[in-house]
Amino acid sequence: MDARIYKPRKTAMQSGRGKTREWVLEFRSGANRTADPVMGWTSINDTTGQVRLHFETREQAIEYAKREELTFTVDEPREPKRLVKSYAQNFSAYRKQPWTH
């Protein structure tokens, strides 16, 4: 079974970094989805794609995957670039763009 280990990014609806501290092991499902002809619902035979396991560290997630003999890939997180700005820069004489109303 194939798995993916990653650290989730913050959503666009968040201003903080909540729920981004843990590592997640997510199973990749190769099963095909089928549509029920009567009701039109989508069904799948393999429910492992719905399972997400949370770990405190990357090493714990890797250890679990090795213990369960899973093939896995680790996606390293990319830290966002921080732009350091101050309010005083709005009124600086050395602005790149002129300040107008």
N, C-alpha and C. Protein backbone atom coordinates (compact mmCIF):
# COMPACT_ATOMS: atom_id res chain seq x y z
N MET A 1 0.84 -1.16 0.00
CA MET A 1 0.00 0.00 0.00
C MET A 1 0.90 1.24 0.00
N ASP A 2 0.51 2.23 -0.75
CA ASP A 2 1.29 3.44 -0.91
C ASP A 2 0.78 4.52 0.03
N ALA A 3 1.69 5.26 0.65
CA ALA A 3 1.30 6.31 1.59
C ALA A 3 2.12 7.57 1.32
N ARG A 4 1.61 8.67 1.79
CA ARG A 4 2.27 9.97 1.65
C ARG A 4 2.38 10.59 3.03
N ILE A 5 3.59 11.04 3.38
CA ILE A 5 3.82 11.69 4.67
C ILE A 5 4.14 13.15 4.38
N TYR A 6 3.39 14.05 5.01
CA TYR A 6 3.60 15.47 4.76
C TYR A 6 3.16 16.29 5.97
N LYS A 7 3.55 17.54 5.96
CA LYS A 7 3.14 18.48 6.98
C LYS A 7 2.16 19.44 6.31
N PRO A 8 0.90 19.49 6.76
CA PRO A 8 -0.10 20.29 6.05
C PRO A 8 0.20 21.79 6.11
N ARG A 9 -0.17 22.47 5.05
CA ARG A 9 -0.02 23.93 4.99
C ARG A 9 -1.25 24.58 5.58
N LYS A 10 -1.12 25.83 5.94
CA LYS A 10 -2.28 26.54 6.45
C LYS A 10 -3.22 26.86 5.31
N THR A 11 -4.49 26.88 5.61
CA THR A 11 -5.47 27.15 4.57
C THR A 11 -5.58 28.65 4.33
N ALA A 12 -6.22 29.03 3.27
CA ALA A 12 -6.39 30.45 2.95
C ALA A 12 -7.31 31.13 3.95
N MET A 13 -8.10 30.37 4.68
CA MET A 13 -9.02 30.93 5.65
C MET A 13 -8.38 31.14 7.01
N GLN A 14 -7.10 30.78 7.16
CA GLN A 14 -6.43 30.93 8.43
C GLN A 14 -5.44 32.08 8.39
N SER A 15 -5.33 32.80 9.46
CA SER A 15 -4.25 33.77 9.56
C SER A 15 -3.14 33.22 10.45
N GLY A 16 -3.47 32.26 11.28
CA GLY A 16 -2.50 31.64 12.17
C GLY A 16 -1.97 30.35 11.59
N ARG A 17 -1.20 29.63 12.39
CA ARG A 17 -0.60 28.39 11.92
C ARG A 17 -1.23 27.18 12.61
N GLY A 18 -2.52 27.27 12.94
CA GLY A 18 -3.20 26.17 13.59
C GLY A 18 -3.30 24.95 12.69
N LYS A 19 -3.18 23.78 13.26
CA LYS A 19 -3.26 22.49 12.58
C LYS A 19 -2.16 22.30 11.53
N THR A 20 -1.04 23.00 11.68
CA THR A 20 0.07 22.81 10.74
C THR A 20 1.32 22.30 11.45
N ARG A 21 1.21 21.96 12.71
CA ARG A 21 2.38 21.53 13.47
C ARG A 21 2.62 20.02 13.37
N GLU A 22 1.58 19.25 13.10
CA GLU A 22 1.69 17.80 13.08
C GLU A 22 2.02 17.30 11.67
N TRP A 23 2.56 16.09 11.62
CA TRP A 23 2.81 15.41 10.36
C TRP A 23 1.64 14.47 10.10
N VAL A 24 1.28 14.29 8.84
CA VAL A 24 0.13 13.49 8.46
C VAL A 24 0.58 12.36 7.54
N LEU A 25 0.11 11.15 7.83
CA LEU A 25 0.30 10.02 6.94
C LEU A 25 -1.04 9.75 6.28
N GLU A 26 -1.06 9.84 4.96
CA GLU A 26 -2.30 9.69 4.20
C GLU A 26 -2.11 8.56 3.19
N PHE A 27 -3.05 7.65 3.14
CA PHE A 27 -2.96 6.53 2.21
C PHE A 27 -3.42 6.97 0.83
N ARG A 28 -2.73 6.48 -0.17
CA ARG A 28 -3.13 6.75 -1.55
C ARG A 28 -3.91 5.55 -2.05
N SER A 29 -5.09 5.80 -2.49
CA SER A 29 -5.97 4.73 -2.93
C SER A 29 -5.93 4.65 -4.45
N GLY A 30 -5.74 3.46 -4.97
CA GLY A 30 -5.73 3.26 -6.41
C GLY A 30 -7.03 2.67 -6.92
N ALA A 31 -8.03 2.60 -6.05
CA ALA A 31 -9.31 2.00 -6.42
C ALA A 31 -10.11 2.94 -7.33
N ASN A 32 -10.89 2.34 -8.17
CA ASN A 32 -11.73 3.11 -9.08
C ASN A 32 -13.06 3.43 -8.42
N ARG A 33 -13.56 4.60 -8.69
CA ARG A 33 -14.87 5.00 -8.19
C ARG A 33 -15.93 4.58 -9.21
N THR A 34 -17.03 4.12 -8.70
CA THR A 34 -18.13 3.71 -9.57
C THR A 34 -19.39 4.45 -9.17
N ALA A 35 -20.22 4.73 -10.15
CA ALA A 35 -21.48 5.41 -9.89
C ALA A 35 -22.60 4.38 -9.78
N ASP A 36 -23.42 4.52 -8.75
CA ASP A 36 -24.56 3.64 -8.57
C ASP A 36 -25.61 4.00 -9.63
N PRO A 37 -26.07 3.04 -10.42
CA PRO A 37 -27.01 3.38 -11.50
C PRO A 37 -28.39 3.82 -11.02
N VAL A 38 -28.80 3.39 -9.84
CA VAL A 38 -30.14 3.73 -9.36
C VAL A 38 -30.15 5.11 -8.69
N MET A 39 -29.26 5.30 -7.71
CA MET A 39 -29.26 6.53 -6.93
C MET A 39 -28.31 7.60 -7.48
N GLY A 40 -27.31 7.17 -8.25
CA GLY A 40 -26.36 8.12 -8.78
C GLY A 40 -25.24 8.47 -7.81
N TRP A 41 -25.17 7.77 -6.69
CA TRP A 41 -24.12 8.02 -5.72
C TRP A 41 -22.81 7.43 -6.20
N THR A 42 -21.72 8.01 -5.77
CA THR A 42 -20.41 7.49 -6.10
C THR A 42 -19.97 6.56 -4.98
N SER A 43 -19.48 5.39 -5.36
CA SER A 43 -19.01 4.44 -4.35
C SER A 43 -17.59 3.99 -4.68
N ILE A 44 -16.92 3.48 -3.65
CA ILE A 44 -15.55 3.01 -3.80
C ILE A 44 -15.39 1.78 -2.91
N ASN A 45 -14.59 0.83 -3.35
CA ASN A 45 -14.39 -0.40 -2.59
C ASN A 45 -13.32 -0.26 -1.52
N ASP A 46 -12.38 0.65 -1.71
CA ASP A 46 -11.25 0.80 -0.81
C ASP A 46 -11.43 2.05 0.04
N THR A 47 -11.60 1.88 1.34
CA THR A 47 -11.84 3.03 2.23
C THR A 47 -10.56 3.56 2.87
N THR A 48 -9.39 3.03 2.52
CA THR A 48 -8.16 3.52 3.14
C THR A 48 -7.83 4.94 2.69
N GLY A 49 -8.38 5.39 1.59
CA GLY A 49 -8.16 6.77 1.15
C GLY A 49 -8.78 7.79 2.07
N GLN A 50 -9.66 7.36 2.96
CA GLN A 50 -10.32 8.26 3.90
C GLN A 50 -9.56 8.36 5.23
N VAL A 51 -8.53 7.54 5.40
CA VAL A 51 -7.81 7.47 6.67
C VAL A 51 -6.63 8.45 6.64
N ARG A 52 -6.53 9.28 7.69
CA ARG A 52 -5.41 10.19 7.87
C ARG A 52 -4.89 10.01 9.28
N LEU A 53 -3.63 9.64 9.41
CA LEU A 53 -3.02 9.45 10.72
C LEU A 53 -2.13 10.64 11.03
N HIS A 54 -2.22 11.16 12.26
CA HIS A 54 -1.46 12.33 12.67
C HIS A 54 -0.35 11.92 13.63
N PHE A 55 0.86 12.49 13.41
CA PHE A 55 2.02 12.20 14.24
C PHE A 55 2.66 13.52 14.66
N GLU A 56 3.31 13.51 15.81
CA GLU A 56 3.96 14.72 16.30
C GLU A 56 5.23 15.05 15.53
N THR A 57 5.97 14.01 15.10
CA THR A 57 7.23 14.25 14.38
C THR A 57 7.26 13.44 13.10
N ARG A 58 8.13 13.86 12.21
CA ARG A 58 8.32 13.17 10.93
C ARG A 58 8.86 11.76 11.17
N GLU A 59 9.76 11.62 12.13
CA GLU A 59 10.38 10.33 12.40
C GLU A 59 9.36 9.31 12.89
N GLN A 60 8.38 9.75 13.68
CA GLN A 60 7.34 8.84 14.15
C GLN A 60 6.51 8.33 12.97
N ALA A 61 6.20 9.19 12.03
CA ALA A 61 5.42 8.78 10.87
C ALA A 61 6.20 7.80 10.00
N ILE A 62 7.48 8.05 9.82
CA ILE A 62 8.32 7.15 9.02
C ILE A 62 8.46 5.80 9.71
N GLU A 63 8.65 5.83 11.02
CA GLU A 63 8.76 4.59 11.80
C GLU A 63 7.49 3.75 11.69
N TYR A 64 6.34 4.40 11.76
CA TYR A 64 5.07 3.68 11.62
C TYR A 64 4.95 3.05 10.23
N ALA A 65 5.30 3.81 9.20
CA ALA A 65 5.19 3.29 7.83
C ALA A 65 6.13 2.10 7.62
N LYS A 66 7.32 2.16 8.18
CA LYS A 66 8.25 1.03 8.05
C LYS A 66 7.76 -0.18 8.83
N ARG A 67 7.21 0.06 10.02
CA ARG A 67 6.70 -1.05 10.85
C ARG A 67 5.54 -1.75 10.17
N GLU A 68 4.69 -0.99 9.48
CA GLU A 68 3.54 -1.57 8.79
C GLU A 68 3.87 -2.01 7.35
N GLU A 69 5.16 -1.87 6.97
CA GLU A 69 5.65 -2.27 5.65
C GLU A 69 4.92 -1.56 4.52
N LEU A 70 4.78 -0.25 4.65
CA LEU A 70 4.14 0.57 3.63
C LEU A 70 5.21 1.20 2.74
N THR A 71 4.92 1.36 1.48
CA THR A 71 5.77 2.16 0.63
C THR A 71 5.30 3.60 0.79
N PHE A 72 6.23 4.50 1.01
CA PHE A 72 5.83 5.87 1.33
C PHE A 72 6.77 6.88 0.69
N THR A 73 6.27 8.09 0.56
CA THR A 73 7.08 9.23 0.13
C THR A 73 6.91 10.32 1.18
N VAL A 74 7.98 11.07 1.42
CA VAL A 74 7.95 12.16 2.39
C VAL A 74 8.05 13.47 1.63
N ASP A 75 7.07 14.33 1.80
CA ASP A 75 7.08 15.66 1.21
C ASP A 75 7.55 16.65 2.27
N GLU A 76 8.71 17.23 2.04
CA GLU A 76 9.26 18.19 2.99
C GLU A 76 8.50 19.51 2.91
N PRO A 77 8.22 20.13 4.05
CA PRO A 77 7.49 21.41 4.02
C PRO A 77 8.38 22.55 3.54
N ARG A 78 7.77 23.49 2.85
CA ARG A 78 8.47 24.69 2.44
C ARG A 78 7.98 25.85 3.30
N GLU A 79 8.90 26.51 3.95
CA GLU A 79 8.53 27.63 4.80
C GLU A 79 8.27 28.86 3.93
N PRO A 80 7.20 29.59 4.21
CA PRO A 80 6.91 30.77 3.41
C PRO A 80 7.92 31.89 3.69
N LYS A 81 8.19 32.68 2.66
CA LYS A 81 9.09 33.80 2.83
C LYS A 81 8.36 34.90 3.58
N ARG A 82 9.02 35.46 4.55
CA ARG A 82 8.41 36.51 5.36
C ARG A 82 8.92 37.86 4.88
N LEU A 83 8.00 38.76 4.61
CA LEU A 83 8.35 40.12 4.23
C LEU A 83 8.32 40.98 5.49
N VAL A 84 9.47 41.51 5.85
CA VAL A 84 9.55 42.32 7.04
C VAL A 84 9.31 43.77 6.63
N LYS A 85 8.23 44.34 7.12
CA LYS A 85 7.88 45.71 6.81
C LYS A 85 7.53 46.43 8.10
N SER A 86 7.69 47.72 8.07
CA SER A 86 7.26 48.52 9.21
C SER A 86 6.34 49.62 8.69
N TYR A 87 5.57 50.17 9.58
CA TYR A 87 4.63 51.23 9.21
C TYR A 87 5.38 52.49 8.76
N ALA A 88 6.57 52.71 9.30
CA ALA A 88 7.34 53.91 8.95
C ALA A 88 7.80 53.90 7.50
N GLN A 89 7.91 52.71 6.90
CA GLN A 89 8.33 52.64 5.49
C GLN A 89 7.31 53.26 4.55
N ASN A 90 6.05 53.39 4.98
CA ASN A 90 5.04 54.03 4.14
C ASN A 90 5.36 55.50 3.89
N PHE A 91 6.10 56.13 4.80
CA PHE A 91 6.36 57.56 4.72
C PHE A 91 7.84 57.86 4.47
N SER A 92 8.59 56.86 4.08
CA SER A 92 10.01 57.04 3.85
C SER A 92 10.25 57.90 2.61
N ALA A 93 11.31 58.69 2.62
CA ALA A 93 11.68 59.50 1.46
C ALA A 93 12.30 58.63 0.37
N TYR A 94 12.70 57.42 0.70
CA TYR A 94 13.36 56.53 -0.25
C TYR A 94 12.44 55.42 -0.75
N ARG A 95 11.14 55.70 -0.81
CA ARG A 95 10.18 54.72 -1.31
C ARG A 95 10.46 54.42 -2.77
N LYS A 96 10.16 53.20 -3.20
CA LYS A 96 10.31 52.84 -4.61
C LYS A 96 9.19 53.43 -5.46
N GLN A 97 8.02 53.58 -4.88
CA GLN A 97 6.88 54.16 -5.59
C GLN A 97 6.44 55.41 -4.85
N PRO A 98 6.02 56.43 -5.59
CA PRO A 98 5.60 57.65 -4.88
C PRO A 98 4.32 57.41 -4.09
N TRP A 99 4.22 58.08 -2.96
CA TRP A 99 3.04 57.97 -2.11
C TRP A 99 2.08 59.07 -2.47
N THR A 100 0.88 58.71 -2.89
CA THR A 100 -0.13 59.69 -3.25
C THR A 100 -1.47 59.27 -2.67
N HIS A 101 -2.41 60.18 -2.70
CA HIS A 101 -3.76 59.88 -2.21
C HIS A 101 -4.57 59.30 -3.32
